[in-house]
Amino acid sequence: MKLELKKIGNSTGLILPKELLARLGLQQGDSVSVTEGPERTITLSAYAEDDEETMNLAREIMREYKNTMKALAK
Protein backbone atom coordinates (compact mmCIF):
# COMPACT_ATOMS: atom_id res chain seq x y z
CA MET A 1 0.00 0.00 0.00
CA LYS A 2 1.47 3.33 -1.03
CA LEU A 3 0.71 6.31 1.23
CA GLU A 4 1.84 9.91 0.87
CA LEU A 5 3.27 12.15 3.57
CA LYS A 6 1.16 15.32 3.82
CA LYS A 7 1.75 18.75 5.30
CA ILE A 8 -0.45 19.21 8.36
CA GLY A 9 0.02 22.70 9.82
CA ASN A 10 3.73 23.09 10.52
CA SER A 11 4.23 19.32 10.63
CA THR A 12 4.21 16.39 8.25
CA GLY A 13 1.80 13.53 8.76
CA LEU A 14 0.79 10.19 7.37
CA ILE A 15 -2.93 9.61 6.94
CA LEU A 16 -3.95 5.98 7.35
CA PRO A 17 -7.05 4.81 5.45
CA LYS A 18 -9.96 3.68 7.62
CA GLU A 19 -9.79 0.17 6.11
CA LEU A 20 -6.19 -0.18 7.33
CA LEU A 21 -7.09 1.19 10.76
CA ALA A 22 -9.90 -1.36 11.01
CA ARG A 23 -7.57 -4.25 10.09
CA LEU A 24 -5.05 -3.07 12.68
CA GLY A 25 -7.71 -2.62 15.34
CA LEU A 26 -6.89 1.09 15.69
CA GLN A 27 -9.06 4.15 15.74
CA GLN A 28 -8.60 7.90 15.75
CA GLY A 29 -6.98 9.04 18.98
CA ASP A 30 -5.16 5.76 19.67
CA SER A 31 -1.44 5.89 20.34
CA VAL A 32 0.98 3.86 18.24
CA SER A 33 4.54 2.78 18.76
CA VAL A 34 7.00 3.34 15.90
CA THR A 35 10.08 1.15 15.63
CA GLU A 36 12.87 1.79 13.14
CA GLY A 37 14.19 -1.26 11.33
CA PRO A 38 17.01 -2.00 8.94
CA GLU A 39 17.20 -0.43 5.51
CA ARG A 40 14.90 2.55 6.20
CA THR A 41 11.93 0.48 7.37
CA ILE A 42 9.48 1.25 10.16
CA THR A 43 6.98 -0.84 12.08
CA LEU A 44 3.78 0.63 13.53
CA SER A 45 2.01 -1.18 16.34
CA ALA A 46 -0.63 -0.36 18.89
CA TYR A 47 0.98 1.30 21.90
CA ALA A 48 0.72 -0.62 25.15
CA GLU A 49 1.28 1.11 28.49
CA ASP A 50 3.99 -1.36 29.43
CA ASP A 51 5.98 -0.82 26.19
CA GLU A 52 8.16 1.91 27.73
CA GLU A 53 8.88 -0.14 30.83
CA THR A 54 9.71 -3.22 28.74
CA MET A 55 12.08 -1.28 26.47
CA ASN A 56 13.83 0.34 29.42
CA LEU A 57 14.30 -3.06 31.03
CA ALA A 58 15.66 -4.51 27.77
CA ARG A 59 18.12 -1.61 27.40
CA GLU A 60 19.29 -2.09 30.98
CA ILE A 61 19.86 -5.82 30.43
CA MET A 62 21.70 -5.21 27.15
CA ARG A 63 23.95 -2.64 28.85
CA GLU A 64 24.66 -4.99 31.73
CA TYR A 65 25.43 -7.94 29.45
CA LYS A 66 27.04 -5.93 26.65
CA ASN A 67 29.99 -8.31 26.19
CA THR A 68 27.75 -11.36 26.21
CA MET A 69 25.48 -9.78 23.58
CA LYS A 70 28.52 -9.03 21.37
CA ALA A 71 29.73 -12.62 21.69
CA LEU A 72 26.31 -14.02 20.82
CA ALA A 73 26.06 -11.74 17.77
CA LYS A 74 29.14 -13.34 16.19
PDB file of N, CA and C in Angstrom:
ATOM      1  N   MET A   1       0.853  -1.172   0.000  1.00  0.00           N
ATOM      2  CA  MET A   1       0.000   0.000   0.000  1.00  0.00           C
ATOM      3  C   MET A   1       0.898   1.234   0.000  1.00  0.00           C
ATOM      4  N   LYS A   2       0.678   2.105  -0.925  1.00  0.00           N
ATOM      5  CA  LYS A   2       1.467   3.332  -1.027  1.00  0.00           C
ATOM      6  C   LYS A   2       0.675   4.476  -0.385  1.00  0.00           C
ATOM      7  N   LEU A   3       1.309   5.160   0.572  1.00  0.00           N
ATOM      8  CA  LEU A   3       0.709   6.310   1.234  1.00  0.00           C
ATOM      9  C   LEU A   3       1.627   7.506   1.039  1.00  0.00           C
ATOM     10  N   GLU A   4       1.070   8.689   1.083  1.00  0.00           N
ATOM     11  CA  GLU A   4       1.838   9.911   0.867  1.00  0.00           C
ATOM     12  C   GLU A   4       1.912  10.733   2.147  1.00  0.00           C
ATOM     13  N   LEU A   5       3.100  11.243   2.439  1.00  0.00           N
ATOM     14  CA  LEU A   5       3.269  12.154   3.567  1.00  0.00           C
ATOM     15  C   LEU A   5       2.641  13.491   3.187  1.00  0.00           C
ATOM     16  N   LYS A   6       1.883  14.064   4.100  1.00  0.00           N
ATOM     17  CA  LYS A   6       1.163  15.316   3.823  1.00  0.00           C
ATOM     18  C   LYS A   6       1.544  16.383   4.838  1.00  0.00           C
ATOM     19  N   LYS A   7       1.516  17.622   4.400  1.00  0.00           N
ATOM     20  CA  LYS A   7       1.746  18.749   5.304  1.00  0.00           C
ATOM     21  C   LYS A   7       0.480  18.951   6.132  1.00  0.00           C
ATOM     22  N   ILE A   8       0.662  18.986   7.439  1.00  0.00           N
ATOM     23  CA  ILE A   8      -0.448  19.214   8.361  1.00  0.00           C
ATOM     24  C   ILE A   8       0.001  20.325   9.301  1.00  0.00           C
ATOM     25  N   GLY A   9      -0.451  21.545   9.054  1.00  0.00           N
ATOM     26  CA  GLY A   9       0.016  22.696   9.822  1.00  0.00           C
ATOM     27  C   GLY A   9       1.500  22.887   9.572  1.00  0.00           C
ATOM     28  N   ASN A  10       2.282  22.959  10.648  1.00  0.00           N
ATOM     29  CA  ASN A  10       3.733  23.091  10.518  1.00  0.00           C
ATOM     30  C   ASN A  10       4.445  21.742  10.572  1.00  0.00           C
ATOM     31  N   SER A  11       3.669  20.672  10.527  1.00  0.00           N
ATOM     32  CA  SER A  11       4.230  19.325  10.633  1.00  0.00           C
ATOM     33  C   SER A  11       3.979  18.543   9.357  1.00  0.00           C
ATOM     34  N   THR A  12       4.465  17.321   9.351  1.00  0.00           N
ATOM     35  CA  THR A  12       4.211  16.392   8.254  1.00  0.00           C
ATOM     36  C   THR A  12       3.576  15.158   8.854  1.00  0.00           C
ATOM     37  N   GLY A  13       2.515  14.674   8.211  1.00  0.00           N
ATOM     38  CA  GLY A  13       1.801  13.531   8.763  1.00  0.00           C
ATOM     39  C   GLY A  13       1.524  12.471   7.720  1.00  0.00           C
ATOM     40  N   LEU A  14       1.164  11.315   8.202  1.00  0.00           N
ATOM     41  CA  LEU A  14       0.791  10.188   7.366  1.00  0.00           C
ATOM     42  C   LEU A  14      -0.653   9.851   7.706  1.00  0.00           C
ATOM     43  N   ILE A  15      -1.504   9.896   6.721  1.00  0.00           N
ATOM     44  CA  ILE A  15      -2.927   9.608   6.942  1.00  0.00           C
ATOM     45  C   ILE A  15      -3.175   8.153   6.581  1.00  0.00           C
ATOM     46  N   LEU A  16      -3.681   7.396   7.554  1.00  0.00           N
ATOM     47  CA  LEU A  16      -3.951   5.981   7.347  1.00  0.00           C
ATOM     48  C   LEU A  16      -5.405   5.786   6.948  1.00  0.00           C
ATOM     49  N   PRO A  17      -5.671   5.053   5.881  1.00  0.00           N
ATOM     50  CA  PRO A  17      -7.046   4.814   5.451  1.00  0.00           C
ATOM     51  C   PRO A  17      -7.840   4.052   6.516  1.00  0.00           C
ATOM     52  N   LYS A  18      -9.135   4.310   6.576  1.00  0.00           N
ATOM     53  CA  LYS A  18      -9.959   3.685   7.617  1.00  0.00           C
ATOM     54  C   LYS A  18      -9.966   2.168   7.503  1.00  0.00           C
ATOM     55  N   GLU A  19      -9.825   1.625   6.281  1.00  0.00           N
ATOM     56  CA  GLU A  19      -9.787   0.169   6.113  1.00  0.00           C
ATOM     57  C   GLU A  19      -8.544  -0.411   6.802  1.00  0.00           C
ATOM     58  N   LEU A  20      -7.414   0.275   6.687  1.00  0.00           N
ATOM     59  CA  LEU A  20      -6.185  -0.177   7.326  1.00  0.00           C
ATOM     60  C   LEU A  20      -6.316  -0.081   8.843  1.00  0.00           C
ATOM     61  N   LEU A  21      -6.874   1.024   9.318  1.00  0.00           N
ATOM     62  CA  LEU A  21      -7.089   1.192  10.762  1.00  0.00           C
ATOM     63  C   LEU A  21      -7.959   0.063  11.311  1.00  0.00           C
ATOM     64  N   ALA A  22      -8.999  -0.285  10.568  1.00  0.00           N
ATOM     65  CA  ALA A  22      -9.899  -1.361  11.008  1.00  0.00           C
ATOM     66  C   ALA A  22      -9.143  -2.689  11.084  1.00  0.00           C
ATOM     67  N   ARG A  23      -8.325  -2.995  10.081  1.00  0.00           N
ATOM     68  CA  ARG A  23      -7.568  -4.249  10.085  1.00  0.00           C
ATOM     69  C   ARG A  23      -6.573  -4.289  11.234  1.00  0.00           C
ATOM     70  N   LEU A  24      -6.026  -3.131  11.596  1.00  0.00           N
ATOM     71  CA  LEU A  24      -5.047  -3.069  12.681  1.00  0.00           C
ATOM     72  C   LEU A  24      -5.701  -2.949  14.056  1.00  0.00           C
ATOM     73  N   GLY A  25      -7.010  -2.764  14.068  1.00  0.00           N
ATOM     74  CA  GLY A  25      -7.711  -2.619  15.341  1.00  0.00           C
ATOM     75  C   GLY A  25      -7.442  -1.273  15.993  1.00  0.00           C
ATOM     76  N   LEU A  26      -7.176  -0.253  15.176  1.00  0.00           N
ATOM     77  CA  LEU A  26      -6.885   1.086  15.687  1.00  0.00           C
ATOM     78  C   LEU A  26      -8.002   2.036  15.314  1.00  0.00           C
ATOM     79  N   GLN A  27      -8.092   3.110  16.068  1.00  0.00           N
ATOM     80  CA  GLN A  27      -9.061   4.150  15.735  1.00  0.00           C
ATOM     81  C   GLN A  27      -8.455   5.507  16.047  1.00  0.00           C
ATOM     82  N   GLN A  28      -9.094   6.546  15.537  1.00  0.00           N
ATOM     83  CA  GLN A  28      -8.597   7.901  15.747  1.00  0.00           C
ATOM     84  C   GLN A  28      -8.416   8.168  17.242  1.00  0.00           C
ATOM     85  N   GLY A  29      -7.274   8.742  17.587  1.00  0.00           N
ATOM     86  CA  GLY A  29      -6.980   9.041  18.981  1.00  0.00           C
ATOM     87  C   GLY A  29      -6.121   7.999  19.678  1.00  0.00           C
ATOM     88  N   ASP A  30      -6.019   6.790  19.089  1.00  0.00           N
ATOM     89  CA  ASP A  30      -5.160   5.758  19.674  1.00  0.00           C
ATOM     90  C   ASP A  30      -3.698   6.165  19.542  1.00  0.00           C
ATOM     91  N   SER A  31      -2.876   5.671  20.433  1.00  0.00           N
ATOM     92  CA  SER A  31      -1.437   5.892  20.342  1.00  0.00           C
ATOM     93  C   SER A  31      -0.804   4.690  19.666  1.00  0.00           C
ATOM     94  N   VAL A  32       0.246   4.940  18.885  1.00  0.00           N
ATOM     95  CA  VAL A  32       0.977   3.863  18.236  1.00  0.00           C
ATOM     96  C   VAL A  32       2.449   3.960  18.607  1.00  0.00           C
ATOM     97  N   SER A  33       3.110   2.845  18.526  1.00  0.00           N
ATOM     98  CA  SER A  33       4.542   2.775  18.764  1.00  0.00           C
ATOM     99  C   SER A  33       5.219   2.628  17.404  1.00  0.00           C
ATOM    100  N   VAL A  34       6.276   3.399  17.160  1.00  0.00           N
ATOM    101  CA  VAL A  34       7.004   3.342  15.902  1.00  0.00           C
ATOM    102  C   VAL A  34       8.401   2.797  16.187  1.00  0.00           C
ATOM    103  N   THR A  35       8.770   1.760  15.464  1.00  0.00           N
ATOM    104  CA  THR A  35      10.077   1.147  15.626  1.00  0.00           C
ATOM    105  C   THR A  35      10.820   1.222  14.300  1.00  0.00           C
ATOM    106  N   GLU A  36      12.056   1.736  14.347  1.00  0.00           N
ATOM    107  CA  GLU A  36      12.875   1.790  13.144  1.00  0.00           C
ATOM    108  C   GLU A  36      13.551   0.450  12.929  1.00  0.00           C
ATOM    109  N   GLY A  37      13.551   0.001  11.673  1.00  0.00           N
ATOM    110  CA  GLY A  37      14.186  -1.257  11.331  1.00  0.00           C
ATOM    111  C   GLY A  37      15.337  -1.037  10.371  1.00  0.00           C
ATOM    112  N   PRO A  38      15.894  -2.126   9.881  1.00  0.00           N
ATOM    113  CA  PRO A  38      17.005  -2.003   8.939  1.00  0.00           C
ATOM    114  C   PRO A  38      16.531  -1.479   7.588  1.00  0.00           C
ATOM    115  N   GLU A  39      17.447  -0.888   6.874  1.00  0.00           N
ATOM    116  CA  GLU A  39      17.202  -0.428   5.505  1.00  0.00           C
ATOM    117  C   GLU A  39      15.997   0.498   5.379  1.00  0.00           C
ATOM    118  N   ARG A  40      15.927   1.501   6.264  1.00  0.00           N
ATOM    119  CA  ARG A  40      14.899   2.551   6.200  1.00  0.00           C
ATOM    120  C   ARG A  40      13.471   2.015   6.312  1.00  0.00           C
ATOM    121  N   THR A  41      13.267   1.009   7.150  1.00  0.00           N
ATOM    122  CA  THR A  41      11.926   0.483   7.372  1.00  0.00           C
ATOM    123  C   THR A  41      11.417   0.919   8.738  1.00  0.00           C
ATOM    124  N   ILE A  42      10.100   0.965   8.876  1.00  0.00           N
ATOM    125  CA  ILE A  42       9.481   1.246  10.164  1.00  0.00           C
ATOM    126  C   ILE A  42       8.362   0.246  10.408  1.00  0.00           C
ATOM    127  N   THR A  43       8.091   0.018  11.683  1.00  0.00           N
ATOM    128  CA  THR A  43       6.980  -0.839  12.077  1.00  0.00           C
ATOM    129  C   THR A  43       6.075  -0.025  12.988  1.00  0.00           C
ATOM    130  N   LEU A  44       4.789  -0.019  12.689  1.00  0.00           N
ATOM    131  CA  LEU A  44       3.782   0.629  13.535  1.00  0.00           C
ATOM    132  C   LEU A  44       3.029  -0.454  14.284  1.00  0.00           C
ATOM    133  N   SER A  45       2.821  -0.248  15.560  1.00  0.00           N
ATOM    134  CA  SER A  45       2.008  -1.181  16.336  1.00  0.00           C
ATOM    135  C   SER A  45       1.239  -0.408  17.392  1.00  0.00           C
ATOM    136  N   ALA A  46       0.168  -0.999  17.840  1.00  0.00           N
ATOM    137  CA  ALA A  46      -0.626  -0.361  18.886  1.00  0.00           C
ATOM    138  C   ALA A  46       0.249  -0.165  20.117  1.00  0.00           C
ATOM    139  N   TYR A  47       0.169   0.992  20.723  1.00  0.00           N
ATOM    140  CA  TYR A  47       0.975   1.302  21.896  1.00  0.00           C
ATOM    141  C   TYR A  47       0.352   0.658  23.121  1.00  0.00           C
ATOM    142  N   ALA A  48       1.166  -0.026  23.880  1.00  0.00           N
ATOM    143  CA  ALA A  48       0.720  -0.622  25.146  1.00  0.00           C
ATOM    144  C   ALA A  48       1.425   0.113  26.279  1.00  0.00           C
ATOM    145  N   GLU A  49       0.736   0.344  27.361  1.00  0.00           N
ATOM    146  CA  GLU A  49       1.281   1.108  28.488  1.00  0.00           C
ATOM    147  C   GLU A  49       2.607   0.548  28.986  1.00  0.00           C
ATOM    148  N   ASP A  50       2.766  -0.777  28.911  1.00  0.00           N
ATOM    149  CA  ASP A  50       3.994  -1.360  29.434  1.00  0.00           C
ATOM    150  C   ASP A  50       5.137  -1.383  28.418  1.00  0.00           C
ATOM    151  N   ASP A  51       4.922  -0.853  27.201  1.00  0.00           N
ATOM    152  CA  ASP A  51       5.979  -0.825  26.187  1.00  0.00           C
ATOM    153  C   ASP A  51       7.210  -0.067  26.667  1.00  0.00           C
ATOM    154  N   GLU A  52       7.026   1.104  27.254  1.00  0.00           N
ATOM    155  CA  GLU A  52       8.158   1.907  27.730  1.00  0.00           C
ATOM    156  C   GLU A  52       8.949   1.159  28.795  1.00  0.00           C
ATOM    157  N   GLU A  53       8.229   0.591  29.734  1.00  0.00           N
ATOM    158  CA  GLU A  53       8.876  -0.144  30.825  1.00  0.00           C
ATOM    159  C   GLU A  53       9.651  -1.348  30.283  1.00  0.00           C
ATOM    160  N   THR A  54       9.055  -2.063  29.334  1.00  0.00           N
ATOM    161  CA  THR A  54       9.707  -3.223  28.741  1.00  0.00           C
ATOM    162  C   THR A  54      10.976  -2.816  28.006  1.00  0.00           C
ATOM    163  N   MET A  55      10.911  -1.739  27.212  1.00  0.00           N
ATOM    164  CA  MET A  55      12.082  -1.281  26.467  1.00  0.00           C
ATOM    165  C   MET A  55      13.189  -0.813  27.410  1.00  0.00           C
ATOM    166  N   ASN A  56      12.825  -0.106  28.459  1.00  0.00           N
ATOM    167  CA  ASN A  56      13.829   0.343  29.424  1.00  0.00           C
ATOM    168  C   ASN A  56      14.516  -0.844  30.097  1.00  0.00           C
ATOM    169  N   LEU A  57      13.750  -1.855  30.433  1.00  0.00           N
ATOM    170  CA  LEU A  57      14.305  -3.064  31.034  1.00  0.00           C
ATOM    171  C   LEU A  57      15.238  -3.771  30.051  1.00  0.00           C
ATOM    172  N   ALA A  58      14.826  -3.868  28.789  1.00  0.00           N
ATOM    173  CA  ALA A  58      15.664  -4.513  27.768  1.00  0.00           C
ATOM    174  C   ALA A  58      16.971  -3.752  27.584  1.00  0.00           C
ATOM    175  N   ARG A  59      16.901  -2.424  27.539  1.00  0.00           N
ATOM    176  CA  ARG A  59      18.116  -1.610  27.396  1.00  0.00           C
ATOM    177  C   ARG A  59      19.061  -1.826  28.584  1.00  0.00           C
ATOM    178  N   GLU A  60      18.489  -1.886  29.770  1.00  0.00           N
ATOM    179  CA  GLU A  60      19.292  -2.093  30.977  1.00  0.00           C
ATOM    180  C   GLU A  60      20.001  -3.451  30.925  1.00  0.00           C
ATOM    181  N   ILE A  61      19.282  -4.481  30.521  1.00  0.00           N
ATOM    182  CA  ILE A  61      19.863  -5.823  30.427  1.00  0.00           C
ATOM    183  C   ILE A  61      20.951  -5.853  29.359  1.00  0.00           C
ATOM    184  N   MET A  62      20.696  -5.212  28.214  1.00  0.00           N
ATOM    185  CA  MET A  62      21.697  -5.206  27.147  1.00  0.00           C
ATOM    186  C   MET A  62      22.960  -4.455  27.563  1.00  0.00           C
ATOM    187  N   ARG A  63      22.781  -3.376  28.344  1.00  0.00           N
ATOM    188  CA  ARG A  63      23.954  -2.642  28.852  1.00  0.00           C
ATOM    189  C   ARG A  63      24.745  -3.516  29.827  1.00  0.00           C
ATOM    190  N   GLU A  64      24.018  -4.171  30.710  1.00  0.00           N
ATOM    191  CA  GLU A  64      24.664  -4.991  31.734  1.00  0.00           C
ATOM    192  C   GLU A  64      25.413  -6.178  31.126  1.00  0.00           C
ATOM    193  N   TYR A  65      24.838  -6.758  30.086  1.00  0.00           N
ATOM    194  CA  TYR A  65      25.426  -7.939  29.450  1.00  0.00           C
ATOM    195  C   TYR A  65      25.967  -7.606  28.059  1.00  0.00           C
ATOM    196  N   LYS A  66      26.539  -6.422  27.926  1.00  0.00           N
ATOM    197  CA  LYS A  66      27.043  -5.930  26.646  1.00  0.00           C
ATOM    198  C   LYS A  66      28.023  -6.915  25.995  1.00  0.00           C
ATOM    199  N   ASN A  67      28.990  -7.387  26.746  1.00  0.00           N
ATOM    200  CA  ASN A  67      29.987  -8.306  26.195  1.00  0.00           C
ATOM    201  C   ASN A  67      29.367  -9.635  25.773  1.00  0.00           C
ATOM    202  N   THR A  68      28.434 -10.115  26.551  1.00  0.00           N
ATOM    203  CA  THR A  68      27.746 -11.361  26.207  1.00  0.00           C
ATOM    204  C   THR A  68      26.955 -11.187  24.912  1.00  0.00           C
ATOM    205  N   MET A  69      26.271 -10.056  24.782  1.00  0.00           N
ATOM    206  CA  MET A  69      25.484  -9.779  23.576  1.00  0.00           C
ATOM    207  C   MET A  69      26.396  -9.723  22.354  1.00  0.00           C
ATOM    208  N   LYS A  70      27.569  -9.098  22.487  1.00  0.00           N
ATOM    209  CA  LYS A  70      28.518  -9.030  21.372  1.00  0.00           C
ATOM    210  C   LYS A  70      28.978 -10.428  20.978  1.00  0.00           C
ATOM    211  N   ALA A  71      29.278 -11.257  21.966  1.00  0.00           N
ATOM    212  CA  ALA A  71      29.731 -12.617  21.693  1.00  0.00           C
ATOM    213  C   ALA A  71      28.639 -13.443  20.997  1.00  0.00           C
ATOM    214  N   LEU A  72      27.418 -13.275  21.423  1.00  0.00           N
ATOM    215  CA  LEU A  72      26.307 -14.015  20.822  1.00  0.00           C
ATOM    216  C   LEU A  72      26.020 -13.547  19.394  1.00  0.00           C
ATOM    217  N   ALA A  73      26.332 -12.287  19.096  1.00  0.00           N
ATOM    218  CA  ALA A  73      26.058 -11.742  17.770  1.00  0.00           C
ATOM    219  C   ALA A  73      27.023 -12.264  16.715  1.00  0.00           C
ATOM    220  N   LYS A  74      28.130 -12.843  17.154  1.00  0.00           N
ATOM    221  CA  LYS A  74      29.142 -13.337  16.194  1.00  0.00           C
ATOM    222  C   LYS A  74      28.735 -14.638  15.579  1.00  0.00           C
TER     223      LYS A  74
END
